[in-house]
Amino acid sequence: MKTILSGISALMLIGLIIATVIYQQTLSKASLIDDHDTEEGKATDETDLQEDENPTDSLVANETVDYAIENEQLFVTYNKGIDWIHVPIEKHLLFAGDYNGREDELIPQSYILSKERTVFLHPKGERSVGITYSLNKGKSWQTSVIVENYPAIRFRKVAFLNDDFGYTILSGSRTMSQEASSVYLTFDGGKSWRQVSRPNTARMIANGGFIDESTGFLSYGTINPEAPELYVTKDTAQTWKQAKVHVPDKYKLHFVTAETPKKVGDHLIMLVQQGPNGDYKGGKVKGKFKSTDGGETWKFVSEVESVETE
């Protein structure tokens, strides 16, 4: 009898040992599975985070040198979107001032994009206006102040004719159909700027620009213009003279706002728009004018469509 009980006790002990071993192995496997799942979860979270932190993945470039605005940031590319470079400007500054247009694209004429020079014109601080620019494809950025104290800007344009000479045209303090306009020139590639004279008029500026370091134009009249009001300087903005634009009687009610002239060969060509309410031939036709005396007098050449300038 004792032998039988001893045998049963031994079997029970062996069974208990086997059960304990199996239980420990099961716990170990479960722990390994949990640890593996946890590591996979971490890896997935880190991957998602990396994807979320790259705002340029969805950017598309239409040109070799292009820009894009994404997640309240401005980016530029010099290889048609293969690489994008962040521009150190707060987005709201690019549209600050007297402006109510769309903010998913930059204001025309307020920037320059090229492999040699990239420039963005914008307010800085409370009332100053300046540029942020790069001369090495975005590897480094510089800033310069154009004017320290200026009202909320409406019209804004920046351009360079060569490595050294550039100009900025600004307007602000708009009241009804009047405002103040200003011209600034740089002779050292944008590092410093100086204000020059402007025509004695308070009309709202429509456009302007220089065709060389001496000759420049300013066109006025954006609200119900009745005739082109164009001023020309031939002495680097020391003095201005109102140009004579001879509009044929047939077109006097239609061609009323001058665009910035361009040099074509040995003469100048200028297009004159119909104005904001123009409806002559659907409002798409412009007048083409020619000057052979440096922009002081203009004669009608023909009607043109789109952007013909030659």
C-alpha atoms as a PDB file:
ATOM      1  CA  MET A   1       0.000   0.000   0.000  1.00  0.00           C
ATOM      2  CA  LYS A   2       2.815   2.364   0.900  1.00  0.00           C
ATOM      3  CA  THR A   3       4.508   1.553  -2.400  1.00  0.00           C
ATOM      4  CA  ILE A   4       1.374   2.479  -4.353  1.00  0.00           C
ATOM      5  CA  LEU A   5       0.979   5.799  -2.481  1.00  0.00           C
ATOM      6  CA  SER A   6       4.642   6.612  -3.052  1.00  0.00           C
ATOM      7  CA  GLY A   7       4.211   5.942  -6.759  1.00  0.00           C
ATOM      8  CA  ILE A   8       1.141   8.172  -6.984  1.00  0.00           C
ATOM      9  CA  SER A   9       2.935  10.978  -5.113  1.00  0.00           C
ATOM     10  CA  ALA A  10       5.901  10.721  -7.445  1.00  0.00           C
ATOM     11  CA  LEU A  11       3.643  10.903 -10.513  1.00  0.00           C
ATOM     12  CA  MET A  12       1.836  13.940  -9.116  1.00  0.00           C
ATOM     13  CA  LEU A  13       5.156  15.667  -8.408  1.00  0.00           C
ATOM     14  CA  ILE A  14       6.394  14.950 -11.910  1.00  0.00           C
ATOM     15  CA  GLY A  15       3.127  16.294 -13.372  1.00  0.00           C
ATOM     16  CA  LEU A  16       3.391  19.465 -11.325  1.00  0.00           C
ATOM     17  CA  ILE A  17       6.962  20.050 -12.499  1.00  0.00           C
ATOM     18  CA  ILE A  18       5.962  19.528 -16.146  1.00  0.00           C
ATOM     19  CA  ALA A  19       2.982  21.932 -15.787  1.00  0.00           C
ATOM     20  CA  THR A  20       5.236  24.580 -14.222  1.00  0.00           C
ATOM     21  CA  VAL A  21       7.742  24.338 -17.068  1.00  0.00           C
ATOM     22  CA  ILE A  22       5.021  24.597 -19.719  1.00  0.00           C
ATOM     23  CA  TYR A  23       3.497  27.620 -17.945  1.00  0.00           C
ATOM     24  CA  GLN A  24       6.863  29.436 -17.808  1.00  0.00           C
ATOM     25  CA  GLN A  25       7.481  28.814 -21.488  1.00  0.00           C
ATOM     26  CA  THR A  26       4.046  30.154 -22.364  1.00  0.00           C
ATOM     27  CA  LEU A  27       4.684  33.365 -20.375  1.00  0.00           C
ATOM     28  CA  SER A  28       8.057  33.831 -22.053  1.00  0.00           C
ATOM     29  CA  LYS A  29       6.565  33.505 -25.537  1.00  0.00           C
ATOM     30  CA  ALA A  30       3.771  35.940 -24.709  1.00  0.00           C
ATOM     31  CA  SER A  31       6.304  38.458 -23.405  1.00  0.00           C
ATOM     32  CA  LEU A  32       8.368  38.195 -26.582  1.00  0.00           C
ATOM     33  CA  ILE A  33       5.276  38.730 -28.741  1.00  0.00           C
ATOM     34  CA  ASP A  34       4.266  41.801 -26.710  1.00  0.00           C
ATOM     35  CA  ASP A  35       7.773  43.237 -26.933  1.00  0.00           C
ATOM     36  CA  HIS A  36       7.858  42.670 -30.693  1.00  0.00           C
ATOM     37  CA  ASP A  37       4.471  44.338 -31.165  1.00  0.00           C
ATOM     38  CA  THR A  38       5.597  47.268 -29.042  1.00  0.00           C
ATOM     39  CA  GLU A  39       8.760  47.745 -31.097  1.00  0.00           C
ATOM     40  CA  GLU A  40       6.754  47.561 -34.326  1.00  0.00           C
ATOM     41  CA  GLY A  41       4.360  50.161 -32.939  1.00  0.00           C
ATOM     42  CA  LYS A  42       7.218  52.454 -32.041  1.00  0.00           C
ATOM     43  CA  ALA A  43       8.771  52.056 -35.472  1.00  0.00           C
ATOM     44  CA  THR A  44       5.446  52.811 -37.157  1.00  0.00           C
ATOM     45  CA  ASP A  45       4.885  55.875 -34.980  1.00  0.00           C
ATOM     46  CA  GLU A  46       8.385  57.156 -35.714  1.00  0.00           C
ATOM     47  CA  THR A  47       7.886  56.618 -39.453  1.00  0.00           C
ATOM     48  CA  ASP A  48       4.547  58.461 -39.375  1.00  0.00           C
ATOM     49  CA  LEU A  49       6.166  61.276 -37.412  1.00  0.00           C
ATOM     50  CA  GLN A  50       8.993  61.588 -39.924  1.00  0.00           C
ATOM     51  CA  GLU A  51       6.493  61.720 -42.768  1.00  0.00           C
ATOM     52  CA  ASP A  52       4.447  64.374 -40.985  1.00  0.00           C
ATOM     53  CA  GLU A  53       7.555  66.464 -40.326  1.00  0.00           C
ATOM     54  CA  ASN A  54       8.492  66.730 -44.027  1.00  0.00           C
ATOM     55  CA  PRO A  55       6.278  69.464 -45.512  1.00  0.00           C
ATOM     56  CA  THR A  56       7.927  69.360 -48.955  1.00  0.00           C
ATOM     57  CA  ASP A  57       6.722  65.893 -49.959  1.00  0.00           C
ATOM     58  CA  SER A  58       3.580  67.277 -51.570  1.00  0.00           C
ATOM     59  CA  LEU A  59       5.197  70.271 -53.287  1.00  0.00           C
ATOM     60  CA  VAL A  60       5.134  70.514 -57.078  1.00  0.00           C
ATOM     61  CA  ALA A  61       7.322  72.724 -59.275  1.00  0.00           C
ATOM     62  CA  ASN A  62       6.251  73.910 -62.716  1.00  0.00           C
ATOM     63  CA  GLU A  63       9.547  75.635 -63.506  1.00  0.00           C
ATOM     64  CA  THR A  64      13.197  74.797 -62.906  1.00  0.00           C
ATOM     65  CA  VAL A  65      13.416  77.722 -60.504  1.00  0.00           C
ATOM     66  CA  ASP A  66      10.112  77.940 -58.646  1.00  0.00           C
ATOM     67  CA  TYR A  67       8.484  78.580 -55.280  1.00  0.00           C
ATOM     68  CA  ALA A  68       5.745  76.997 -53.205  1.00  0.00           C
ATOM     69  CA  ILE A  69       3.805  77.935 -50.090  1.00  0.00           C
ATOM     70  CA  GLU A  70       2.946  75.066 -47.760  1.00  0.00           C
ATOM     71  CA  ASN A  71       2.087  74.848 -44.046  1.00  0.00           C
ATOM     72  CA  GLU A  72       2.492  78.625 -43.641  1.00  0.00           C
ATOM     73  CA  GLN A  73       6.045  78.406 -44.986  1.00  0.00           C
ATOM     74  CA  LEU A  74       7.753  79.582 -48.193  1.00  0.00           C
ATOM     75  CA  PHE A  75      10.029  77.221 -50.137  1.00  0.00           C
ATOM     76  CA  VAL A  76      12.126  77.605 -53.290  1.00  0.00           C
ATOM     77  CA  THR A  77      13.611  75.047 -55.649  1.00  0.00           C
ATOM     78  CA  TYR A  78      16.389  75.392 -58.212  1.00  0.00           C
ATOM     79  CA  ASN A  79      16.035  71.935 -59.774  1.00  0.00           C
ATOM     80  CA  LYS A  80      12.301  71.686 -60.515  1.00  0.00           C
ATOM     81  CA  GLY A  81      11.268  70.270 -57.175  1.00  0.00           C
ATOM     82  CA  ILE A  82      13.940  67.646 -56.578  1.00  0.00           C
ATOM     83  CA  ASP A  83      15.128  69.688 -53.605  1.00  0.00           C
ATOM     84  CA  TRP A  84      13.232  72.382 -51.712  1.00  0.00           C
ATOM     85  CA  ILE A  85      14.801  75.089 -49.555  1.00  0.00           C
ATOM     86  CA  HIS A  86      12.974  76.879 -46.777  1.00  0.00           C
ATOM     87  CA  VAL A  87      13.016  80.683 -47.037  1.00  0.00           C
ATOM     88  CA  PRO A  88      13.354  82.379 -43.624  1.00  0.00           C
ATOM     89  CA  ILE A  89      10.369  84.736 -43.936  1.00  0.00           C
ATOM     90  CA  GLU A  90       7.127  84.514 -41.987  1.00  0.00           C
ATOM     91  CA  LYS A  91       4.343  83.943 -44.479  1.00  0.00           C
ATOM     92  CA  HIS A  92       2.111  86.742 -43.196  1.00  0.00           C
ATOM     93  CA  LEU A  93       4.829  89.308 -43.992  1.00  0.00           C
ATOM     94  CA  LEU A  94       4.690  88.414 -47.683  1.00  0.00           C
ATOM     95  CA  PHE A  95       1.097  89.663 -47.833  1.00  0.00           C
ATOM     96  CA  ALA A  96       1.142  92.357 -45.152  1.00  0.00           C
ATOM     97  CA  GLY A  97      -0.118  95.840 -45.875  1.00  0.00           C
ATOM     98  CA  ASP A  98      -2.986  97.101 -48.015  1.00  0.00           C
ATOM     99  CA  TYR A  99      -3.623  93.771 -49.722  1.00  0.00           C
ATOM    100  CA  ASN A 100      -6.746  91.594 -49.854  1.00  0.00           C
ATOM    101  CA  GLY A 101      -5.852  89.049 -52.501  1.00  0.00           C
ATOM    102  CA  ARG A 102      -5.139  85.332 -52.373  1.00  0.00           C
ATOM    103  CA  GLU A 103      -2.309  84.080 -50.204  1.00  0.00           C
ATOM    104  CA  ASP A 104      -1.487  80.788 -51.838  1.00  0.00           C
ATOM    105  CA  GLU A 105       0.680  82.561 -54.414  1.00  0.00           C
ATOM    106  CA  LEU A 106       3.040  85.527 -54.118  1.00  0.00           C
ATOM    107  CA  ILE A 107       2.052  89.048 -55.132  1.00  0.00           C
ATOM    108  CA  PRO A 108       3.224  89.682 -58.717  1.00  0.00           C
ATOM    109  CA  GLN A 109       6.373  91.833 -59.016  1.00  0.00           C
ATOM    110  CA  SER A 110       7.144  91.488 -55.288  1.00  0.00           C
ATOM    111  CA  TYR A 111       9.792  88.833 -55.875  1.00  0.00           C
ATOM    112  CA  ILE A 112      12.600  87.750 -58.199  1.00  0.00           C
ATOM    113  CA  LEU A 113      13.409  84.100 -58.911  1.00  0.00           C
ATOM    114  CA  SER A 114      16.582  83.153 -60.752  1.00  0.00           C
ATOM    115  CA  LYS A 115      19.633  80.978 -60.184  1.00  0.00           C
ATOM    116  CA  GLU A 116      21.726  84.118 -59.843  1.00  0.00           C
ATOM    117  CA  ARG A 117      19.451  86.129 -57.554  1.00  0.00           C
ATOM    118  CA  THR A 118      16.387  85.330 -55.444  1.00  0.00           C
ATOM    119  CA  VAL A 119      14.633  88.296 -53.817  1.00  0.00           C
ATOM    120  CA  PHE A 120      11.476  88.723 -51.748  1.00  0.00           C
ATOM    121  CA  LEU A 121      10.134  92.205 -50.952  1.00  0.00           C
ATOM    122  CA  HIS A 122       8.144  92.465 -47.720  1.00  0.00           C
ATOM    123  CA  PRO A 123       7.438  94.578 -44.616  1.00  0.00           C
ATOM    124  CA  LYS A 124       9.786  94.098 -41.683  1.00  0.00           C
ATOM    125  CA  GLY A 125       8.857  94.783 -38.085  1.00  0.00           C
ATOM    126  CA  GLU A 126       6.301  97.462 -37.309  1.00  0.00           C
ATOM    127  CA  ARG A 127       6.716  99.911 -40.199  1.00  0.00           C
ATOM    128  CA  SER A 128       9.912  99.165 -42.102  1.00  0.00           C
ATOM    129  CA  VAL A 129      10.120  97.551 -45.545  1.00  0.00           C
ATOM    130  CA  GLY A 130      13.011  95.468 -46.816  1.00  0.00           C
ATOM    131  CA  ILE A 131      14.115  92.491 -48.842  1.00  0.00           C
ATOM    132  CA  THR A 132      15.283  88.978 -48.025  1.00  0.00           C
ATOM    133  CA  TYR A 133      17.598  87.682 -50.725  1.00  0.00           C
ATOM    134  CA  SER A 134      20.050  84.952 -51.696  1.00  0.00           C
ATOM    135  CA  LEU A 135      22.867  85.053 -54.245  1.00  0.00           C
ATOM    136  CA  ASN A 136      23.872  81.399 -53.909  1.00  0.00           C
ATOM    137  CA  LYS A 137      20.725  79.367 -54.630  1.00  0.00           C
ATOM    138  CA  GLY A 138      19.398  79.523 -51.086  1.00  0.00           C
ATOM    139  CA  LYS A 139      22.520  78.299 -49.300  1.00  0.00           C
ATOM    140  CA  SER A 140      22.484  81.509 -47.266  1.00  0.00           C
ATOM    141  CA  TRP A 141      20.048  84.410 -46.929  1.00  0.00           C
ATOM    142  CA  GLN A 142      20.596  88.097 -46.283  1.00  0.00           C
ATOM    143  CA  THR A 143      18.257  90.946 -45.423  1.00  0.00           C
ATOM    144  CA  SER A 144      18.430  94.665 -46.005  1.00  0.00           C
ATOM    145  CA  VAL A 145      16.125  97.524 -45.039  1.00  0.00           C
ATOM    146  CA  ILE A 146      14.825  99.737 -47.843  1.00  0.00           C
ATOM    147  CA  VAL A 147      12.922 102.220 -45.687  1.00  0.00           C
ATOM    148  CA  GLU A 148      12.577 102.399 -41.909  1.00  0.00           C
ATOM    149  CA  ASN A 149       9.221 104.118 -41.609  1.00  0.00           C
ATOM    150  CA  TYR A 150       6.516 103.472 -44.199  1.00  0.00           C
ATOM    151  CA  PRO A 151       2.721 103.120 -44.045  1.00  0.00           C
ATOM    152  CA  ALA A 152       0.928  99.916 -45.002  1.00  0.00           C
ATOM    153  CA  ILE A 153       2.101  99.207 -48.533  1.00  0.00           C
ATOM    154  CA  ARG A 154      -0.279  98.652 -51.440  1.00  0.00           C
ATOM    155  CA  PHE A 155       1.736  98.658 -54.668  1.00  0.00           C
ATOM    156  CA  ARG A 156       5.083  96.876 -54.386  1.00  0.00           C
ATOM    157  CA  LYS A 157       7.676  96.054 -57.030  1.00  0.00           C
ATOM    158  CA  VAL A 158      11.333  95.060 -56.921  1.00  0.00           C
ATOM    159  CA  ALA A 159      13.646  94.468 -59.877  1.00  0.00           C
ATOM    160  CA  PHE A 160      17.332  94.377 -60.768  1.00  0.00           C
ATOM    161  CA  LEU A 161      18.841  95.315 -64.125  1.00  0.00           C
ATOM    162  CA  ASN A 162      22.293  93.938 -63.329  1.00  0.00           C
ATOM    163  CA  ASP A 163      24.376  92.708 -60.383  1.00  0.00           C
ATOM    164  CA  ASP A 164      24.505  96.176 -58.830  1.00  0.00           C
ATOM    165  CA  PHE A 165      21.585  98.344 -59.964  1.00  0.00           C
ATOM    166  CA  GLY A 166      18.064  97.667 -58.781  1.00  0.00           C
ATOM    167  CA  TYR A 167      14.911  99.552 -57.876  1.00  0.00           C
ATOM    168  CA  THR A 168      11.903  99.284 -55.617  1.00  0.00           C
ATOM    169  CA  ILE A 169       8.598 101.112 -56.096  1.00  0.00           C
ATOM    170  CA  LEU A 170       6.183 101.369 -53.178  1.00  0.00           C
ATOM    171  CA  SER A 171       2.889 103.072 -52.429  1.00  0.00           C
ATOM    172  CA  GLY A 172       0.855 103.489 -49.253  1.00  0.00           C
ATOM    173  CA  SER A 173      -1.460 105.734 -47.224  1.00  0.00           C
ATOM    174  CA  ARG A 174      -4.296 105.153 -49.673  1.00  0.00           C
ATOM    175  CA  THR A 175      -7.320 107.394 -49.229  1.00  0.00           C
ATOM    176  CA  MET A 176     -10.080 106.930 -51.782  1.00  0.00           C
ATOM    177  CA  SER A 177      -8.263 107.286 -55.137  1.00  0.00           C
ATOM    178  CA  GLN A 178      -5.115 108.945 -53.791  1.00  0.00           C
ATOM    179  CA  GLU A 179      -1.959 107.680 -52.122  1.00  0.00           C
ATOM    180  CA  ALA A 180       1.720 108.363 -51.602  1.00  0.00           C
ATOM    181  CA  SER A 181       4.261 106.626 -53.843  1.00  0.00           C
ATOM    182  CA  SER A 182       8.028 106.270 -53.481  1.00  0.00           C
ATOM    183  CA  VAL A 183      11.034 105.126 -55.504  1.00  0.00           C
ATOM    184  CA  TYR A 184      14.205 103.584 -54.028  1.00  0.00           C
ATOM    185  CA  LEU A 185      17.405 102.680 -55.829  1.00  0.00           C
ATOM    186  CA  THR A 186      20.342 100.431 -54.985  1.00  0.00           C
ATOM    187  CA  PHE A 187      23.786 100.550 -56.590  1.00  0.00           C
ATOM    188  CA  ASP A 188      25.407  97.766 -54.560  1.00  0.00           C
ATOM    189  CA  GLY A 189      23.217  94.762 -55.294  1.00  0.00           C
ATOM    190  CA  GLY A 190      20.584  95.478 -52.647  1.00  0.00           C
ATOM    191  CA  LYS A 191      22.822  95.923 -49.604  1.00  0.00           C
ATOM    192  CA  SER A 192      21.760  99.564 -49.233  1.00  0.00           C
ATOM    193  CA  TRP A 193      18.987 101.709 -50.673  1.00  0.00           C
ATOM    194  CA  ARG A 194      18.326 105.405 -51.106  1.00  0.00           C
ATOM    195  CA  GLN A 195      15.113 107.206 -51.835  1.00  0.00           C
ATOM    196  CA  VAL A 196      14.938 109.354 -54.963  1.00  0.00           C
ATOM    197  CA  SER A 197      12.406 111.890 -56.196  1.00  0.00           C
ATOM    198  CA  ARG A 198       9.048 111.036 -57.721  1.00  0.00           C
ATOM    199  CA  PRO A 199       6.482 112.913 -59.847  1.00  0.00           C
ATOM    200  CA  ASN A 200       4.352 115.503 -58.091  1.00  0.00           C
ATOM    201  CA  THR A 201       1.094 113.566 -58.144  1.00  0.00           C
ATOM    202  CA  ALA A 202      -1.077 111.834 -55.553  1.00  0.00           C
ATOM    203  CA  ARG A 203      -2.875 109.521 -57.971  1.00  0.00           C
ATOM    204  CA  MET A 204      -2.652 105.798 -57.357  1.00  0.00           C
ATOM    205  CA  ILE A 205       0.279 104.186 -59.102  1.00  0.00           C
ATOM    206  CA  ALA A 206      -0.444 101.530 -61.725  1.00  0.00           C
ATOM    207  CA  ASN A 207       3.074 100.414 -62.600  1.00  0.00           C
ATOM    208  CA  GLY A 208       6.601 101.557 -63.206  1.00  0.00           C
ATOM    209  CA  GLY A 209      10.180 100.575 -63.747  1.00  0.00           C
ATOM    210  CA  PHE A 210      13.596 101.445 -65.142  1.00  0.00           C
ATOM    211  CA  ILE A 211      14.949 100.290 -68.502  1.00  0.00           C
ATOM    212  CA  ASP A 212      18.514 101.371 -67.646  1.00  0.00           C
ATOM    213  CA  GLU A 213      20.257 103.133 -64.781  1.00  0.00           C
ATOM    214  CA  SER A 214      19.153 106.554 -66.061  1.00  0.00           C
ATOM    215  CA  THR A 215      15.758 106.043 -67.684  1.00  0.00           C
ATOM    216  CA  GLY A 216      12.667 105.150 -65.710  1.00  0.00           C
ATOM    217  CA  PHE A 217       8.888 105.416 -65.926  1.00  0.00           C
ATOM    218  CA  LEU A 218       5.959 105.694 -63.528  1.00  0.00           C
ATOM    219  CA  SER A 219       2.374 105.163 -64.650  1.00  0.00           C
ATOM    220  CA  TYR A 220      -0.578 106.458 -62.619  1.00  0.00           C
ATOM    221  CA  GLY A 221      -4.332 105.954 -62.625  1.00  0.00           C
ATOM    222  CA  THR A 222      -6.039 102.757 -61.450  1.00  0.00           C
ATOM    223  CA  ILE A 223      -9.556 103.924 -60.507  1.00  0.00           C
ATOM    224  CA  ASN A 224     -11.619 105.245 -63.425  1.00  0.00           C
ATOM    225  CA  PRO A 225      -8.637 106.549 -65.426  1.00  0.00           C
ATOM    226  CA  GLU A 226      -9.527 108.773 -68.382  1.00  0.00           C
ATOM    227  CA  ALA A 227      -6.156 108.957 -70.145  1.00  0.00           C
ATOM    228  CA  PRO A 228      -2.628 107.563 -69.740  1.00  0.00           C
ATOM    229  CA  GLU A 229      -0.635 109.486 -67.121  1.00  0.00           C
ATOM    230  CA  LEU A 230       2.992 108.506 -67.660  1.00  0.00           C
ATOM    231  CA  TYR A 231       6.094 110.186 -66.245  1.00  0.00           C
ATOM    232  CA  VAL A 232       9.657 109.692 -67.455  1.00  0.00           C
ATOM    233  CA  THR A 233      13.071 110.393 -65.941  1.00  0.00           C
ATOM    234  CA  LYS A 234      16.344 110.422 -67.859  1.00  0.00           C
ATOM    235  CA  ASP A 235      18.642 111.406 -64.990  1.00  0.00           C
ATOM    236  CA  THR A 236      18.223 108.532 -62.514  1.00  0.00           C
ATOM    237  CA  ALA A 237      15.100 110.016 -60.928  1.00  0.00           C
ATOM    238  CA  GLN A 238      16.528 113.432 -60.158  1.00  0.00           C
ATOM    239  CA  THR A 239      13.727 114.965 -62.221  1.00  0.00           C
ATOM    240  CA  TRP A 240      10.504 113.678 -63.798  1.00  0.00           C
ATOM    241  CA  LYS A 241       8.562 114.877 -66.826  1.00  0.00           C
ATOM    242  CA  GLN A 242       5.073 113.907 -67.926  1.00  0.00           C
ATOM    243  CA  ALA A 243       5.202 112.092 -71.245  1.00  0.00           C
ATOM    244  CA  LYS A 244       2.900 112.878 -74.141  1.00  0.00           C
ATOM    245  CA  VAL A 245       0.887 109.841 -75.168  1.00  0.00           C
ATOM    246  CA  HIS A 246      -0.966 110.542 -78.417  1.00  0.00           C
ATOM    247  CA  VAL A 247      -4.033 108.343 -78.330  1.00  0.00           C
ATOM    248  CA  PRO A 248      -6.172 108.471 -81.511  1.00  0.00           C
ATOM    249  CA  ASP A 249      -9.694 109.776 -81.002  1.00  0.00           C
ATOM    250  CA  LYS A 250     -11.055 106.335 -81.819  1.00  0.00           C
ATOM    251  CA  TYR A 251      -9.342 104.893 -78.737  1.00  0.00           C
ATOM    252  CA  LYS A 252      -9.416 107.725 -76.215  1.00  0.00           C
ATOM    253  CA  LEU A 253     -12.225 106.151 -74.235  1.00  0.00           C
ATOM    254  CA  HIS A 254     -10.535 102.774 -74.270  1.00  0.00           C
ATOM    255  CA  PHE A 255      -6.744 102.961 -73.870  1.00  0.00           C
ATOM    256  CA  VAL A 256      -6.239 104.752 -70.557  1.00  0.00           C
ATOM    257  CA  THR A 257      -3.579 103.064 -68.376  1.00  0.00           C
ATOM    258  CA  ALA A 258       0.041 102.814 -69.523  1.00  0.00           C
ATOM    259  CA  GLU A 259       2.154  99.777 -68.756  1.00  0.00           C
ATOM    260  CA  THR A 260       5.912  99.996 -68.143  1.00  0.00           C
ATOM    261  CA  PRO A 261       7.726 100.619 -71.461  1.00  0.00           C
ATOM    262  CA  LYS A 262      10.321  98.210 -72.818  1.00  0.00           C
ATOM    263  CA  LYS A 263      13.338  98.772 -75.008  1.00  0.00           C
ATOM    264  CA  VAL A 264      13.119  97.065 -78.396  1.00  0.00           C
ATOM    265  CA  GLY A 265      16.050  97.698 -80.681  1.00  0.00           C
ATOM    266  CA  ASP A 266      16.658 101.435 -81.066  1.00  0.00           C
ATOM    267  CA  HIS A 267      13.209 102.481 -79.796  1.00  0.00           C
ATOM    268  CA  LEU A 268      10.756 101.937 -76.951  1.00  0.00           C
ATOM    269  CA  ILE A 269       7.464 100.053 -77.015  1.00  0.00           C
ATOM    270  CA  MET A 270       4.627 100.533 -74.538  1.00  0.00           C
ATOM    271  CA  LEU A 271       1.256  98.865 -74.165  1.00  0.00           C
ATOM    272  CA  VAL A 272      -1.725 100.829 -72.870  1.00  0.00           C
ATOM    273  CA  GLN A 273      -4.497  98.949 -71.110  1.00  0.00           C
ATOM    274  CA  GLN A 274      -8.219  99.636 -71.130  1.00  0.00           C
ATOM    275  CA  GLY A 275      -8.474 100.076 -67.390  1.00  0.00           C
ATOM    276  CA  PRO A 276     -10.545  98.142 -64.839  1.00  0.00           C
ATOM    277  CA  ASN A 277     -13.860  98.741 -66.632  1.00  0.00           C
ATOM    278  CA  GLY A 278     -12.681  98.349 -70.223  1.00  0.00           C
ATOM    279  CA  ASP A 279     -15.032  96.451 -72.527  1.00  0.00           C
ATOM    280  CA  TYR A 280     -13.632  97.257 -75.976  1.00  0.00           C
ATOM    281  CA  LYS A 281     -13.433  93.925 -77.797  1.00  0.00           C
ATOM    282  CA  GLY A 282     -13.995  92.099 -74.546  1.00  0.00           C
ATOM    283  CA  GLY A 283     -11.405  94.130 -72.684  1.00  0.00           C
ATOM    284  CA  LYS A 284      -8.586  91.935 -73.977  1.00  0.00           C
ATOM    285  CA  VAL A 285      -7.196  94.330 -76.564  1.00  0.00           C
ATOM    286  CA  LYS A 286      -4.465  96.840 -75.736  1.00  0.00           C
ATOM    287  CA  GLY A 287      -2.964  99.748 -77.611  1.00  0.00           C
ATOM    288  CA  LYS A 288       0.631  99.480 -78.802  1.00  0.00           C
ATOM    289  CA  PHE A 289       2.653 102.715 -78.784  1.00  0.00           C
ATOM    290  CA  LYS A 290       6.170 103.563 -79.934  1.00  0.00           C
ATOM    291  CA  SER A 291       8.679 106.192 -78.805  1.00  0.00           C
ATOM    292  CA  THR A 292      11.869 107.252 -80.597  1.00  0.00           C
ATOM    293  CA  ASP A 293      12.892 110.033 -78.181  1.00  0.00           C
ATOM    294  CA  GLY A 294      13.532 108.040 -75.027  1.00  0.00           C
ATOM    295  CA  GLY A 295       9.933 107.926 -73.846  1.00  0.00           C
ATOM    296  CA  GLU A 296       8.959 111.600 -73.892  1.00  0.00           C
ATOM    297  CA  THR A 297       6.420 111.245 -76.727  1.00  0.00           C
ATOM    298  CA  TRP A 298       4.440 108.204 -77.849  1.00  0.00           C
ATOM    299  CA  LYS A 299       2.643 107.443 -81.110  1.00  0.00           C
ATOM    300  CA  PHE A 300      -0.001 104.810 -81.685  1.00  0.00           C
ATOM    301  CA  VAL A 301       1.078 101.762 -83.673  1.00  0.00           C
ATOM    302  CA  SER A 302      -1.726  99.207 -83.534  1.00  0.00           C
ATOM    303  CA  GLU A 303      -4.121  97.156 -81.485  1.00  0.00           C
ATOM    304  CA  VAL A 304      -2.583  94.067 -79.903  1.00  0.00           C
ATOM    305  CA  GLU A 305      -3.719  91.135 -77.809  1.00  0.00           C
ATOM    306  CA  SER A 306      -2.070  89.412 -74.844  1.00  0.00           C
ATOM    307  CA  VAL A 307       1.568  90.449 -74.250  1.00  0.00           C
ATOM    308  CA  GLU A 308       2.904  91.476 -77.657  1.00  0.00           C
ATOM    309  CA  THR A 309       5.662  94.073 -77.234  1.00  0.00           C
ATOM    310  CA  GLU A 310       7.629  94.040 -80.483  1.00  0.00           C
END
